[in-house]
Amino acid sequence: MVDKVLTANRLTDGIAVWLDANRAWVTSLQDALIARHAEAVTALEEIGKKAYADNKVVDVNVIEVQETNGVLWPLRLRERIRAQGPTMEYAPGYKPADPEFIAV
């Protein structure tokens, strides 16, 4: 099975977030809780449904990641861009994505 993490967008500002081990939504993919088996993925899906129902986040998804040398890399380009920030200036305090991180 491929490792997976739970991602969403904060309802308040649309910024991409990931669920960490404390069930908090964090802005760094590197702090995300990694699901390494089917039961853990199911638990992430349930947590995501509840967070969506409670109006904490939107666009909740479980995504595939690969851990290489201690760094999480989303397998899809869309998720790499979301993890590193947009490809252009977006909001104060958020730099554009690192081209090397999002390179396929």
N, C-alpha and C. Protein backbone atom coordinates (compact mmCIF):
# COMPACT_ATOMS: atom_id res chain seq x y z
N MET A 1 0.83 -1.18 0.00
CA MET A 1 0.00 0.00 0.00
C MET A 1 0.88 1.26 0.00
N VAL A 2 0.43 2.27 -0.68
CA VAL A 2 1.12 3.56 -0.73
C VAL A 2 0.73 4.36 0.51
N ASP A 3 1.69 5.08 1.10
CA ASP A 3 1.40 5.94 2.24
C ASP A 3 0.43 7.04 1.82
N LYS A 4 -0.41 7.46 2.78
CA LYS A 4 -1.40 8.50 2.49
C LYS A 4 -1.49 9.48 3.64
N VAL A 5 -1.94 10.70 3.32
CA VAL A 5 -2.19 11.74 4.32
C VAL A 5 -3.53 12.39 4.00
N LEU A 6 -4.08 13.10 4.97
CA LEU A 6 -5.35 13.78 4.79
C LEU A 6 -5.09 15.27 4.57
N THR A 7 -5.63 15.80 3.50
CA THR A 7 -5.47 17.22 3.19
C THR A 7 -6.83 17.86 2.98
N ALA A 8 -6.85 19.17 3.08
CA ALA A 8 -8.07 19.95 2.88
C ALA A 8 -7.65 21.40 2.68
N ASN A 9 -8.66 22.27 2.62
CA ASN A 9 -8.42 23.71 2.61
C ASN A 9 -9.15 24.30 3.79
N ARG A 10 -8.46 25.19 4.51
CA ARG A 10 -9.10 25.88 5.63
C ARG A 10 -10.28 26.67 5.12
N LEU A 11 -11.36 26.61 5.85
CA LEU A 11 -12.57 27.33 5.45
C LEU A 11 -12.38 28.84 5.54
N THR A 12 -11.59 29.30 6.50
CA THR A 12 -11.45 30.73 6.73
C THR A 12 -10.69 31.47 5.64
N ASP A 13 -9.67 30.83 5.03
CA ASP A 13 -8.86 31.55 4.05
C ASP A 13 -8.48 30.72 2.82
N GLY A 14 -8.87 29.47 2.76
CA GLY A 14 -8.60 28.63 1.60
C GLY A 14 -7.22 28.03 1.54
N ILE A 15 -6.38 28.30 2.53
CA ILE A 15 -5.01 27.79 2.54
C ILE A 15 -5.03 26.26 2.69
N ALA A 16 -4.15 25.57 1.96
CA ALA A 16 -4.02 24.12 2.05
C ALA A 16 -3.52 23.72 3.43
N VAL A 17 -4.13 22.69 4.00
CA VAL A 17 -3.74 22.18 5.32
C VAL A 17 -3.72 20.66 5.30
N TRP A 18 -3.01 20.08 6.28
CA TRP A 18 -2.90 18.64 6.44
C TRP A 18 -3.16 18.29 7.89
N LEU A 19 -3.72 17.12 8.11
CA LEU A 19 -4.02 16.68 9.46
C LEU A 19 -2.76 16.11 10.10
N ASP A 20 -2.47 16.56 11.34
CA ASP A 20 -1.30 16.02 12.04
C ASP A 20 -1.73 14.98 13.08
N ALA A 21 -0.78 14.43 13.80
CA ALA A 21 -1.05 13.37 14.77
C ALA A 21 -1.91 13.82 15.94
N ASN A 22 -2.00 15.13 16.16
CA ASN A 22 -2.83 15.67 17.25
C ASN A 22 -4.22 16.07 16.77
N ARG A 23 -4.56 15.66 15.54
CA ARG A 23 -5.83 16.00 14.91
C ARG A 23 -6.00 17.50 14.68
N ALA A 24 -4.88 18.17 14.53
CA ALA A 24 -4.88 19.59 14.21
C ALA A 24 -4.61 19.74 12.72
N TRP A 25 -5.15 20.79 12.13
CA TRP A 25 -4.89 21.09 10.72
C TRP A 25 -3.68 22.02 10.66
N VAL A 26 -2.61 21.56 10.03
CA VAL A 26 -1.35 22.29 9.96
C VAL A 26 -1.05 22.70 8.52
N THR A 27 -0.23 23.72 8.35
CA THR A 27 0.05 24.24 7.02
C THR A 27 1.27 23.60 6.35
N SER A 28 1.92 22.67 7.03
CA SER A 28 3.09 22.00 6.44
C SER A 28 2.80 20.52 6.22
N LEU A 29 2.92 20.09 4.99
CA LEU A 29 2.78 18.67 4.66
C LEU A 29 3.73 17.82 5.49
N GLN A 30 4.91 18.35 5.78
CA GLN A 30 5.93 17.59 6.49
C GLN A 30 5.50 17.23 7.93
N ASP A 31 4.49 17.91 8.45
CA ASP A 31 3.97 17.62 9.79
C ASP A 31 2.75 16.70 9.78
N ALA A 32 2.36 16.24 8.60
CA ALA A 32 1.14 15.44 8.46
C ALA A 32 1.29 14.04 9.06
N LEU A 33 0.17 13.54 9.56
CA LEU A 33 0.08 12.16 10.03
C LEU A 33 0.04 11.25 8.81
N ILE A 34 0.88 10.23 8.78
CA ILE A 34 0.95 9.32 7.64
C ILE A 34 0.17 8.05 7.94
N ALA A 35 -0.75 7.70 7.04
CA ALA A 35 -1.50 6.45 7.14
C ALA A 35 -0.75 5.40 6.33
N ARG A 36 -0.36 4.31 7.00
CA ARG A 36 0.43 3.29 6.33
C ARG A 36 -0.33 1.97 6.13
N HIS A 37 -1.60 1.93 6.52
CA HIS A 37 -2.42 0.73 6.30
C HIS A 37 -3.88 1.13 6.13
N ALA A 38 -4.69 0.22 5.62
CA ALA A 38 -6.07 0.51 5.25
C ALA A 38 -6.91 1.04 6.41
N GLU A 39 -6.73 0.51 7.60
CA GLU A 39 -7.51 0.97 8.75
C GLU A 39 -7.19 2.43 9.09
N ALA A 40 -5.93 2.80 8.94
CA ALA A 40 -5.54 4.18 9.21
C ALA A 40 -6.13 5.13 8.17
N VAL A 41 -6.20 4.69 6.93
CA VAL A 41 -6.80 5.50 5.87
C VAL A 41 -8.28 5.70 6.16
N THR A 42 -8.96 4.64 6.57
CA THR A 42 -10.38 4.74 6.93
C THR A 42 -10.58 5.74 8.07
N ALA A 43 -9.71 5.70 9.06
CA ALA A 43 -9.80 6.65 10.18
C ALA A 43 -9.61 8.08 9.69
N LEU A 44 -8.65 8.30 8.79
CA LEU A 44 -8.44 9.64 8.25
C LEU A 44 -9.69 10.12 7.50
N GLU A 45 -10.29 9.24 6.72
CA GLU A 45 -11.50 9.62 5.98
C GLU A 45 -12.61 10.04 6.92
N GLU A 46 -12.78 9.33 8.02
CA GLU A 46 -13.83 9.67 8.99
C GLU A 46 -13.54 11.00 9.67
N ILE A 47 -12.30 11.24 10.02
CA ILE A 47 -11.91 12.52 10.63
C ILE A 47 -12.18 13.65 9.63
N GLY A 48 -11.85 13.43 8.37
CA GLY A 48 -12.09 14.44 7.35
C GLY A 48 -13.56 14.75 7.16
N LYS A 49 -14.40 13.72 7.16
CA LYS A 49 -15.85 13.93 7.03
C LYS A 49 -16.39 14.76 8.18
N LYS A 50 -15.91 14.48 9.40
CA LYS A 50 -16.38 15.22 10.57
C LYS A 50 -15.91 16.68 10.50
N ALA A 51 -14.66 16.89 10.14
CA ALA A 51 -14.13 18.25 10.04
C ALA A 51 -14.90 19.05 8.98
N TYR A 52 -15.25 18.40 7.89
CA TYR A 52 -16.04 19.07 6.85
C TYR A 52 -17.44 19.39 7.38
N ALA A 53 -18.07 18.43 8.05
CA ALA A 53 -19.41 18.63 8.60
C ALA A 53 -19.42 19.73 9.66
N ASP A 54 -18.31 19.88 10.38
CA ASP A 54 -18.19 20.91 11.42
C ASP A 54 -17.75 22.26 10.85
N ASN A 55 -17.68 22.36 9.53
CA ASN A 55 -17.29 23.60 8.84
C ASN A 55 -15.90 24.10 9.21
N LYS A 56 -14.97 23.18 9.40
CA LYS A 56 -13.58 23.56 9.68
C LYS A 56 -12.76 23.61 8.40
N VAL A 57 -13.05 22.71 7.46
CA VAL A 57 -12.29 22.61 6.22
C VAL A 57 -13.23 22.26 5.07
N VAL A 58 -12.72 22.46 3.85
CA VAL A 58 -13.43 22.05 2.63
C VAL A 58 -12.45 21.30 1.74
N ASP A 59 -12.97 20.68 0.69
CA ASP A 59 -12.16 19.94 -0.28
C ASP A 59 -11.25 18.92 0.42
N VAL A 60 -11.84 18.11 1.26
CA VAL A 60 -11.11 17.11 2.05
C VAL A 60 -10.76 15.91 1.16
N ASN A 61 -9.49 15.51 1.18
CA ASN A 61 -9.04 14.38 0.37
C ASN A 61 -7.92 13.62 1.06
N VAL A 62 -7.93 12.32 0.86
CA VAL A 62 -6.79 11.49 1.24
C VAL A 62 -5.92 11.41 -0.01
N ILE A 63 -4.65 11.75 0.14
CA ILE A 63 -3.75 11.76 -1.02
C ILE A 63 -2.58 10.82 -0.79
N GLU A 64 -2.00 10.36 -1.89
CA GLU A 64 -0.84 9.47 -1.83
C GLU A 64 0.45 10.27 -1.72
N VAL A 65 1.33 9.81 -0.84
CA VAL A 65 2.63 10.45 -0.66
C VAL A 65 3.71 9.38 -0.65
N GLN A 66 4.91 9.83 -0.90
CA GLN A 66 6.09 8.96 -0.81
C GLN A 66 7.06 9.64 0.13
N GLU A 67 7.63 8.87 1.05
CA GLU A 67 8.63 9.43 1.96
C GLU A 67 10.01 9.07 1.44
N THR A 68 10.80 10.10 1.14
CA THR A 68 12.15 9.90 0.63
C THR A 68 13.11 10.70 1.49
N ASN A 69 14.05 10.01 2.14
CA ASN A 69 15.02 10.67 3.01
C ASN A 69 14.35 11.56 4.04
N GLY A 70 13.23 11.10 4.59
CA GLY A 70 12.53 11.83 5.63
C GLY A 70 11.66 12.97 5.14
N VAL A 71 11.53 13.13 3.82
CA VAL A 71 10.72 14.20 3.24
C VAL A 71 9.51 13.58 2.55
N LEU A 72 8.32 14.12 2.83
CA LEU A 72 7.11 13.66 2.17
C LEU A 72 6.96 14.35 0.82
N TRP A 73 6.68 13.56 -0.20
CA TRP A 73 6.47 14.05 -1.56
C TRP A 73 5.12 13.55 -2.05
N PRO A 74 4.19 14.44 -2.34
CA PRO A 74 2.93 14.00 -2.94
C PRO A 74 3.20 13.39 -4.31
N LEU A 75 2.45 12.37 -4.67
CA LEU A 75 2.67 11.71 -5.95
C LEU A 75 2.06 12.48 -7.12
N ARG A 76 1.02 13.26 -6.87
CA ARG A 76 0.37 14.03 -7.93
C ARG A 76 0.91 15.47 -7.95
N LEU A 77 1.07 16.02 -9.15
CA LEU A 77 1.57 17.38 -9.31
C LEU A 77 0.67 18.38 -8.58
N ARG A 78 -0.64 18.21 -8.69
CA ARG A 78 -1.56 19.13 -8.03
C ARG A 78 -1.25 19.23 -6.53
N GLU A 79 -0.99 18.10 -5.92
CA GLU A 79 -0.72 18.08 -4.48
C GLU A 79 0.65 18.64 -4.15
N ARG A 80 1.62 18.48 -5.05
CA ARG A 80 2.93 19.10 -4.82
C ARG A 80 2.80 20.61 -4.81
N ILE A 81 2.01 21.13 -5.74
CA ILE A 81 1.79 22.57 -5.79
C ILE A 81 1.09 23.03 -4.52
N ARG A 82 0.06 22.31 -4.08
CA ARG A 82 -0.66 22.67 -2.87
C ARG A 82 0.26 22.63 -1.65
N ALA A 83 1.19 21.67 -1.62
CA ALA A 83 2.09 21.51 -0.48
C ALA A 83 3.11 22.63 -0.39
N GLN A 84 3.51 23.17 -1.54
CA GLN A 84 4.56 24.19 -1.56
C GLN A 84 4.02 25.60 -1.72
N GLY A 85 2.75 25.72 -1.96
CA GLY A 85 2.18 27.03 -2.21
C GLY A 85 1.87 27.18 -3.67
N PRO A 86 1.15 28.20 -4.03
CA PRO A 86 0.77 28.37 -5.44
C PRO A 86 1.99 28.68 -6.30
N THR A 87 1.80 28.63 -7.59
CA THR A 87 2.90 28.90 -8.52
C THR A 87 3.07 30.39 -8.79
N MET A 88 2.32 31.21 -8.09
CA MET A 88 2.41 32.67 -8.23
C MET A 88 2.19 33.31 -6.86
N GLU A 89 2.43 34.61 -6.75
CA GLU A 89 2.15 35.31 -5.50
C GLU A 89 0.67 35.17 -5.20
N TYR A 90 0.33 34.79 -3.97
CA TYR A 90 -1.06 34.50 -3.63
C TYR A 90 -1.58 35.37 -2.49
N ALA A 91 -0.92 35.27 -1.36
CA ALA A 91 -1.37 35.99 -0.18
C ALA A 91 -0.14 36.38 0.63
N PRO A 92 -0.23 37.46 1.41
CA PRO A 92 0.90 37.86 2.24
C PRO A 92 1.38 36.70 3.12
N GLY A 93 2.67 36.48 3.13
CA GLY A 93 3.24 35.43 3.96
C GLY A 93 3.36 34.08 3.27
N TYR A 94 2.91 33.96 2.03
CA TYR A 94 2.96 32.71 1.30
C TYR A 94 3.74 32.90 0.01
N LYS A 95 4.92 32.30 -0.06
CA LYS A 95 5.77 32.41 -1.24
C LYS A 95 5.32 31.44 -2.32
N PRO A 96 5.65 31.72 -3.56
CA PRO A 96 5.33 30.77 -4.63
C PRO A 96 6.06 29.44 -4.42
N ALA A 97 5.55 28.39 -5.03
CA ALA A 97 6.11 27.05 -4.89
C ALA A 97 7.54 26.97 -5.40
N ASP A 98 8.32 26.10 -4.76
CA ASP A 98 9.68 25.82 -5.18
C ASP A 98 9.61 24.96 -6.44
N PRO A 99 10.12 25.46 -7.59
CA PRO A 99 10.03 24.70 -8.86
C PRO A 99 10.64 23.31 -8.77
N GLU A 100 11.70 23.13 -7.98
CA GLU A 100 12.32 21.81 -7.87
C GLU A 100 11.42 20.82 -7.14
N PHE A 101 10.66 21.29 -6.14
CA PHE A 101 9.77 20.41 -5.39
C PHE A 101 8.61 19.94 -6.26
N ILE A 102 8.10 20.83 -7.11
CA ILE A 102 6.93 20.46 -7.91
C ILE A 102 7.30 19.84 -9.24
N ALA A 103 8.60 19.78 -9.57
CA ALA A 103 9.04 19.18 -10.84
C ALA A 103 8.64 17.71 -10.86
N VAL A 104 8.20 17.28 -12.02
CA VAL A 104 7.75 15.88 -12.20
C VAL A 104 8.91 15.04 -12.63
